[in-house]
Amino acid sequence: MSKVTLKVDLEFEELKKVISRLSEDEKEALFFELNPAWGKALEKMEKEAIREDEEGKTVNLEDI
C-alpha cells in the first residue's frame, strides 16, 4: 500500500462535525489509528483475559 499525505484546513468545530458523521466502527478505527498505544494496550488486556479464562481464573457473570 502506498503512503498518501493529505493536508486539510479545517477548524476544530468543523472537524468534530465531520467525525460525528462517521459510523461507530469508523470512529473506533480512527481512534486507534490516532492512538496506537491504546490499541496495543487493549490487545494485551484481551490476550490476558483469554489466558485467564482458559486457566479457569475467571468467574461466571451469573455467579456475581
PDB file of N, CA and C in Angstrom:
ATOM      1  N   MET A   1       0.858  -1.167   0.000  1.00  0.00           N
ATOM      2  CA  MET A   1       0.000   0.000   0.000  1.00  0.00           C
ATOM      3  C   MET A   1       0.903   1.229   0.000  1.00  0.00           C
ATOM      4  N   SER A   2       0.611   2.165  -0.846  1.00  0.00           N
ATOM      5  CA  SER A   2       1.419   3.385  -0.903  1.00  0.00           C
ATOM      6  C   SER A   2       0.927   4.385   0.140  1.00  0.00           C
ATOM      7  N   LYS A   3       1.841   5.210   0.571  1.00  0.00           N
ATOM      8  CA  LYS A   3       1.528   6.206   1.593  1.00  0.00           C
ATOM      9  C   LYS A   3       1.057   7.480   0.908  1.00  0.00           C
ATOM     10  N   VAL A   4       0.015   8.069   1.440  1.00  0.00           N
ATOM     11  CA  VAL A   4      -0.543   9.304   0.906  1.00  0.00           C
ATOM     12  C   VAL A   4      -0.542  10.339   2.017  1.00  0.00           C
ATOM     13  N   THR A   5      -0.078  11.532   1.711  1.00  0.00           N
ATOM     14  CA  THR A   5      -0.124  12.631   2.664  1.00  0.00           C
ATOM     15  C   THR A   5      -1.185  13.605   2.193  1.00  0.00           C
ATOM     16  N   LEU A   6      -2.057  13.968   3.104  1.00  0.00           N
ATOM     17  CA  LEU A   6      -3.165  14.848   2.772  1.00  0.00           C
ATOM     18  C   LEU A   6      -3.201  15.975   3.786  1.00  0.00           C
ATOM     19  N   LYS A   7      -3.223  17.192   3.317  1.00  0.00           N
ATOM     20  CA  LYS A   7      -3.325  18.338   4.208  1.00  0.00           C
ATOM     21  C   LYS A   7      -4.730  18.914   4.068  1.00  0.00           C
ATOM     22  N   VAL A   8      -5.389  19.054   5.204  1.00  0.00           N
ATOM     23  CA  VAL A   8      -6.755  19.570   5.222  1.00  0.00           C
ATOM     24  C   VAL A   8      -6.783  20.770   6.153  1.00  0.00           C
ATOM     25  N   ASP A   9      -7.402  21.828   5.706  1.00  0.00           N
ATOM     26  CA  ASP A   9      -7.505  23.038   6.517  1.00  0.00           C
ATOM     27  C   ASP A   9      -8.938  23.140   7.033  1.00  0.00           C
ATOM     28  N   LEU A  10      -9.152  22.626   8.251  1.00  0.00           N
ATOM     29  CA  LEU A  10     -10.471  22.657   8.873  1.00  0.00           C
ATOM     30  C   LEU A  10     -10.356  23.261  10.264  1.00  0.00           C
ATOM     31  N   GLU A  11     -11.349  24.009  10.636  1.00  0.00           N
ATOM     32  CA  GLU A  11     -11.446  24.474  12.013  1.00  0.00           C
ATOM     33  C   GLU A  11     -11.807  23.265  12.880  1.00  0.00           C
ATOM     34  N   PHE A  12     -11.454  23.321  14.151  1.00  0.00           N
ATOM     35  CA  PHE A  12     -11.704  22.207  15.053  1.00  0.00           C
ATOM     36  C   PHE A  12     -13.185  21.832  15.090  1.00  0.00           C
ATOM     37  N   GLU A  13     -14.061  22.805  15.132  1.00  0.00           N
ATOM     38  CA  GLU A  13     -15.504  22.524  15.178  1.00  0.00           C
ATOM     39  C   GLU A  13     -15.964  21.819  13.908  1.00  0.00           C
ATOM     40  N   GLU A  14     -15.409  22.207  12.760  1.00  0.00           N
ATOM     41  CA  GLU A  14     -15.745  21.535  11.505  1.00  0.00           C
ATOM     42  C   GLU A  14     -15.271  20.086  11.534  1.00  0.00           C
ATOM     43  N   LEU A  15     -14.085  19.880  12.066  1.00  0.00           N
ATOM     44  CA  LEU A  15     -13.543  18.531  12.169  1.00  0.00           C
ATOM     45  C   LEU A  15     -14.423  17.665  13.066  1.00  0.00           C
ATOM     46  N   LYS A  16     -14.863  18.210  14.187  1.00  0.00           N
ATOM     47  CA  LYS A  16     -15.752  17.467  15.083  1.00  0.00           C
ATOM     48  C   LYS A  16     -17.052  17.102  14.371  1.00  0.00           C
ATOM     49  N   LYS A  17     -17.572  18.012  13.571  1.00  0.00           N
ATOM     50  CA  LYS A  17     -18.812  17.755  12.846  1.00  0.00           C
ATOM     51  C   LYS A  17     -18.620  16.612  11.844  1.00  0.00           C
ATOM     52  N   VAL A  18     -17.497  16.630  11.136  1.00  0.00           N
ATOM     53  CA  VAL A  18     -17.207  15.572  10.163  1.00  0.00           C
ATOM     54  C   VAL A  18     -17.071  14.226  10.876  1.00  0.00           C
ATOM     55  N   ILE A  19     -16.345  14.219  11.984  1.00  0.00           N
ATOM     56  CA  ILE A  19     -16.151  12.974  12.728  1.00  0.00           C
ATOM     57  C   ILE A  19     -17.477  12.450  13.267  1.00  0.00           C
ATOM     58  N   SER A  20     -18.367  13.333  13.659  1.00  0.00           N
ATOM     59  CA  SER A  20     -19.659  12.901  14.203  1.00  0.00           C
ATOM     60  C   SER A  20     -20.500  12.164  13.162  1.00  0.00           C
ATOM     61  N   ARG A  21     -20.205  12.360  11.892  1.00  0.00           N
ATOM     62  CA  ARG A  21     -20.950  11.683  10.817  1.00  0.00           C
ATOM     63  C   ARG A  21     -20.422  10.278  10.534  1.00  0.00           C
ATOM     64  N   LEU A  22     -19.285   9.927  11.119  1.00  0.00           N
ATOM     65  CA  LEU A  22     -18.721   8.598  10.900  1.00  0.00           C
ATOM     66  C   LEU A  22     -19.542   7.547  11.632  1.00  0.00           C
ATOM     67  N   SER A  23     -19.495   6.322  11.126  1.00  0.00           N
ATOM     68  CA  SER A  23     -20.145   5.218  11.834  1.00  0.00           C
ATOM     69  C   SER A  23     -19.337   4.909  13.090  1.00  0.00           C
ATOM     70  N   GLU A  24     -19.921   4.145  13.993  1.00  0.00           N
ATOM     71  CA  GLU A  24     -19.206   3.781  15.220  1.00  0.00           C
ATOM     72  C   GLU A  24     -17.930   3.007  14.894  1.00  0.00           C
ATOM     73  N   ASP A  25     -17.991   2.117  13.914  1.00  0.00           N
ATOM     74  CA  ASP A  25     -16.798   1.357  13.519  1.00  0.00           C
ATOM     75  C   ASP A  25     -15.721   2.275  12.956  1.00  0.00           C
ATOM     76  N   GLU A  26     -16.127   3.265  12.164  1.00  0.00           N
ATOM     77  CA  GLU A  26     -15.161   4.212  11.603  1.00  0.00           C
ATOM     78  C   GLU A  26     -14.539   5.079  12.696  1.00  0.00           C
ATOM     79  N   LYS A  27     -15.352   5.492  13.672  1.00  0.00           N
ATOM     80  CA  LYS A  27     -14.829   6.279  14.795  1.00  0.00           C
ATOM     81  C   LYS A  27     -13.818   5.461  15.596  1.00  0.00           C
ATOM     82  N   GLU A  28     -14.141   4.191  15.824  1.00  0.00           N
ATOM     83  CA  GLU A  28     -13.228   3.324  16.565  1.00  0.00           C
ATOM     84  C   GLU A  28     -11.916   3.147  15.798  1.00  0.00           C
ATOM     85  N   ALA A  29     -12.012   2.913  14.494  1.00  0.00           N
ATOM     86  CA  ALA A  29     -10.805   2.749  13.675  1.00  0.00           C
ATOM     87  C   ALA A  29      -9.964   4.021  13.694  1.00  0.00           C
ATOM     88  N   LEU A  30     -10.605   5.171  13.605  1.00  0.00           N
ATOM     89  CA  LEU A  30      -9.890   6.449  13.650  1.00  0.00           C
ATOM     90  C   LEU A  30      -9.202   6.631  14.999  1.00  0.00           C
ATOM     91  N   PHE A  31      -9.900   6.309  16.072  1.00  0.00           N
ATOM     92  CA  PHE A  31      -9.323   6.442  17.412  1.00  0.00           C
ATOM     93  C   PHE A  31      -8.038   5.635  17.539  1.00  0.00           C
ATOM     94  N   PHE A  32      -8.088   4.367  17.114  1.00  0.00           N
ATOM     95  CA  PHE A  32      -6.913   3.517  17.261  1.00  0.00           C
ATOM     96  C   PHE A  32      -5.824   3.863  16.251  1.00  0.00           C
ATOM     97  N   GLU A  33      -6.195   4.452  15.137  1.00  0.00           N
ATOM     98  CA  GLU A  33      -5.192   4.933  14.179  1.00  0.00           C
ATOM     99  C   GLU A  33      -4.420   6.112  14.773  1.00  0.00           C
ATOM    100  N   LEU A  34      -5.133   6.979  15.475  1.00  0.00           N
ATOM    101  CA  LEU A  34      -4.503   8.155  16.074  1.00  0.00           C
ATOM    102  C   LEU A  34      -3.830   7.848  17.410  1.00  0.00           C
ATOM    103  N   ASN A  35      -4.228   6.749  18.047  1.00  0.00           N
ATOM    104  CA  ASN A  35      -3.697   6.378  19.365  1.00  0.00           C
ATOM    105  C   ASN A  35      -3.248   4.918  19.362  1.00  0.00           C
ATOM    106  N   PRO A  36      -2.185   4.583  18.644  1.00  0.00           N
ATOM    107  CA  PRO A  36      -1.786   3.176  18.535  1.00  0.00           C
ATOM    108  C   PRO A  36      -1.434   2.535  19.877  1.00  0.00           C
ATOM    109  N   ALA A  37      -0.968   3.308  20.833  1.00  0.00           N
ATOM    110  CA  ALA A  37      -0.634   2.742  22.145  1.00  0.00           C
ATOM    111  C   ALA A  37      -1.881   2.175  22.824  1.00  0.00           C
ATOM    112  N   TRP A  38      -3.022   2.820  22.631  1.00  0.00           N
ATOM    113  CA  TRP A  38      -4.269   2.320  23.214  1.00  0.00           C
ATOM    114  C   TRP A  38      -4.647   0.989  22.586  1.00  0.00           C
ATOM    115  N   GLY A  39      -4.450   0.874  21.278  1.00  0.00           N
ATOM    116  CA  GLY A  39      -4.745  -0.383  20.596  1.00  0.00           C
ATOM    117  C   GLY A  39      -3.881  -1.512  21.116  1.00  0.00           C
ATOM    118  N   LYS A  40      -2.601  -1.235  21.323  1.00  0.00           N
ATOM    119  CA  LYS A  40      -1.686  -2.252  21.850  1.00  0.00           C
ATOM    120  C   LYS A  40      -2.082  -2.637  23.272  1.00  0.00           C
ATOM    121  N   ALA A  41      -2.453  -1.659  24.086  1.00  0.00           N
ATOM    122  CA  ALA A  41      -2.860  -1.941  25.465  1.00  0.00           C
ATOM    123  C   ALA A  41      -4.135  -2.780  25.488  1.00  0.00           C
ATOM    124  N   LEU A  42      -5.081  -2.450  24.623  1.00  0.00           N
ATOM    125  CA  LEU A  42      -6.330  -3.206  24.559  1.00  0.00           C
ATOM    126  C   LEU A  42      -6.068  -4.640  24.108  1.00  0.00           C
ATOM    127  N   GLU A  43      -5.200  -4.801  23.128  1.00  0.00           N
ATOM    128  CA  GLU A  43      -4.849  -6.137  22.644  1.00  0.00           C
ATOM    129  C   GLU A  43      -4.192  -6.958  23.758  1.00  0.00           C
ATOM    130  N   LYS A  44      -3.311  -6.332  24.523  1.00  0.00           N
ATOM    131  CA  LYS A  44      -2.640  -7.012  25.634  1.00  0.00           C
ATOM    132  C   LYS A  44      -3.659  -7.442  26.691  1.00  0.00           C
ATOM    133  N   MET A  45      -4.600  -6.559  27.027  1.00  0.00           N
ATOM    134  CA  MET A  45      -5.624  -6.881  28.020  1.00  0.00           C
ATOM    135  C   MET A  45      -6.505  -8.025  27.532  1.00  0.00           C
ATOM    136  N   GLU A  46      -6.845  -8.010  26.242  1.00  0.00           N
ATOM    137  CA  GLU A  46      -7.683  -9.060  25.674  1.00  0.00           C
ATOM    138  C   GLU A  46      -6.971 -10.416  25.751  1.00  0.00           C
ATOM    139  N   LYS A  47      -5.687 -10.444  25.396  1.00  0.00           N
ATOM    140  CA  LYS A  47      -4.921 -11.695  25.456  1.00  0.00           C
ATOM    141  C   LYS A  47      -4.841 -12.211  26.888  1.00  0.00           C
ATOM    142  N   GLU A  48      -4.634 -11.303  27.838  1.00  0.00           N
ATOM    143  CA  GLU A  48      -4.563 -11.697  29.243  1.00  0.00           C
ATOM    144  C   GLU A  48      -5.901 -12.249  29.724  1.00  0.00           C
ATOM    145  N   ALA A  49      -6.998 -11.630  29.318  1.00  0.00           N
ATOM    146  CA  ALA A  49      -8.328 -12.098  29.720  1.00  0.00           C
ATOM    147  C   ALA A  49      -8.608 -13.484  29.144  1.00  0.00           C
ATOM    148  N   ILE A  50      -8.229 -13.709  27.895  1.00  0.00           N
ATOM    149  CA  ILE A  50      -8.426 -15.023  27.273  1.00  0.00           C
ATOM    150  C   ILE A  50      -7.592 -16.073  27.998  1.00  0.00           C
ATOM    151  N   ARG A  51      -6.341 -15.733  28.299  1.00  0.00           N
ATOM    152  CA  ARG A  51      -5.454 -16.665  29.005  1.00  0.00           C
ATOM    153  C   ARG A  51      -6.028 -17.016  30.376  1.00  0.00           C
ATOM    154  N   GLU A  52      -6.480 -16.016  31.121  1.00  0.00           N
ATOM    155  CA  GLU A  52      -7.036 -16.263  32.451  1.00  0.00           C
ATOM    156  C   GLU A  52      -8.311 -17.095  32.375  1.00  0.00           C
ATOM    157  N   ASP A  53      -9.119 -16.872  31.342  1.00  0.00           N
ATOM    158  CA  ASP A  53     -10.334 -17.660  31.164  1.00  0.00           C
ATOM    159  C   ASP A  53      -9.978 -19.115  30.882  1.00  0.00           C
ATOM    160  N   GLU A  54      -8.988 -19.320  30.017  1.00  0.00           N
ATOM    161  CA  GLU A  54      -8.558 -20.682  29.692  1.00  0.00           C
ATOM    162  C   GLU A  54      -7.970 -21.389  30.908  1.00  0.00           C
ATOM    163  N   GLU A  55      -7.367 -20.644  31.816  1.00  0.00           N
ATOM    164  CA  GLU A  55      -6.778 -21.218  33.031  1.00  0.00           C
ATOM    165  C   GLU A  55      -7.806 -21.362  34.152  1.00  0.00           C
ATOM    166  N   GLY A  56      -9.053 -20.984  33.889  1.00  0.00           N
ATOM    167  CA  GLY A  56     -10.111 -21.116  34.884  1.00  0.00           C
ATOM    168  C   GLY A  56     -10.049 -20.085  35.995  1.00  0.00           C
ATOM    169  N   LYS A  57      -9.416 -18.966  35.745  1.00  0.00           N
ATOM    170  CA  LYS A  57      -9.263 -17.926  36.766  1.00  0.00           C
ATOM    171  C   LYS A  57     -10.372 -16.876  36.711  1.00  0.00           C
ATOM    172  N   THR A  58     -11.405 -17.124  35.929  1.00  0.00           N
ATOM    173  CA  THR A  58     -12.488 -16.145  35.794  1.00  0.00           C
ATOM    174  C   THR A  58     -13.734 -16.639  36.525  1.00  0.00           C
ATOM    175  N   VAL A  59     -14.680 -15.756  36.715  1.00  0.00           N
ATOM    176  CA  VAL A  59     -15.933 -16.064  37.395  1.00  0.00           C
ATOM    177  C   VAL A  59     -17.068 -15.830  36.411  1.00  0.00           C
ATOM    178  N   ASN A  60     -18.030 -16.748  36.380  1.00  0.00           N
ATOM    179  CA  ASN A  60     -19.193 -16.570  35.517  1.00  0.00           C
ATOM    180  C   ASN A  60     -20.005 -15.364  35.973  1.00  0.00           C
ATOM    181  N   LEU A  61     -20.545 -14.628  35.032  1.00  0.00           N
ATOM    182  CA  LEU A  61     -21.335 -13.444  35.343  1.00  0.00           C
ATOM    183  C   LEU A  61     -22.528 -13.802  36.232  1.00  0.00           C
ATOM    184  N   GLU A  62     -23.129 -14.964  36.000  1.00  0.00           N
ATOM    185  CA  GLU A  62     -24.285 -15.395  36.792  1.00  0.00           C
ATOM    186  C   GLU A  62     -23.924 -15.604  38.263  1.00  0.00           C
ATOM    187  N   ASP A  63     -22.640 -15.871  38.544  1.00  0.00           N
ATOM    188  CA  ASP A  63     -22.199 -16.129  39.916  1.00  0.00           C
ATOM    189  C   ASP A  63     -21.901 -14.859  40.704  1.00  0.00           C
ATOM    190  N   ILE A  64     -21.985 -13.732  40.052  1.00  0.00           N
ATOM    191  CA  ILE A  64     -21.662 -12.468  40.725  1.00  0.00           C
ATOM    192  C   ILE A  64     -22.893 -11.905  41.393  1.00  0.00           C
TER     193      ILE A  64
END
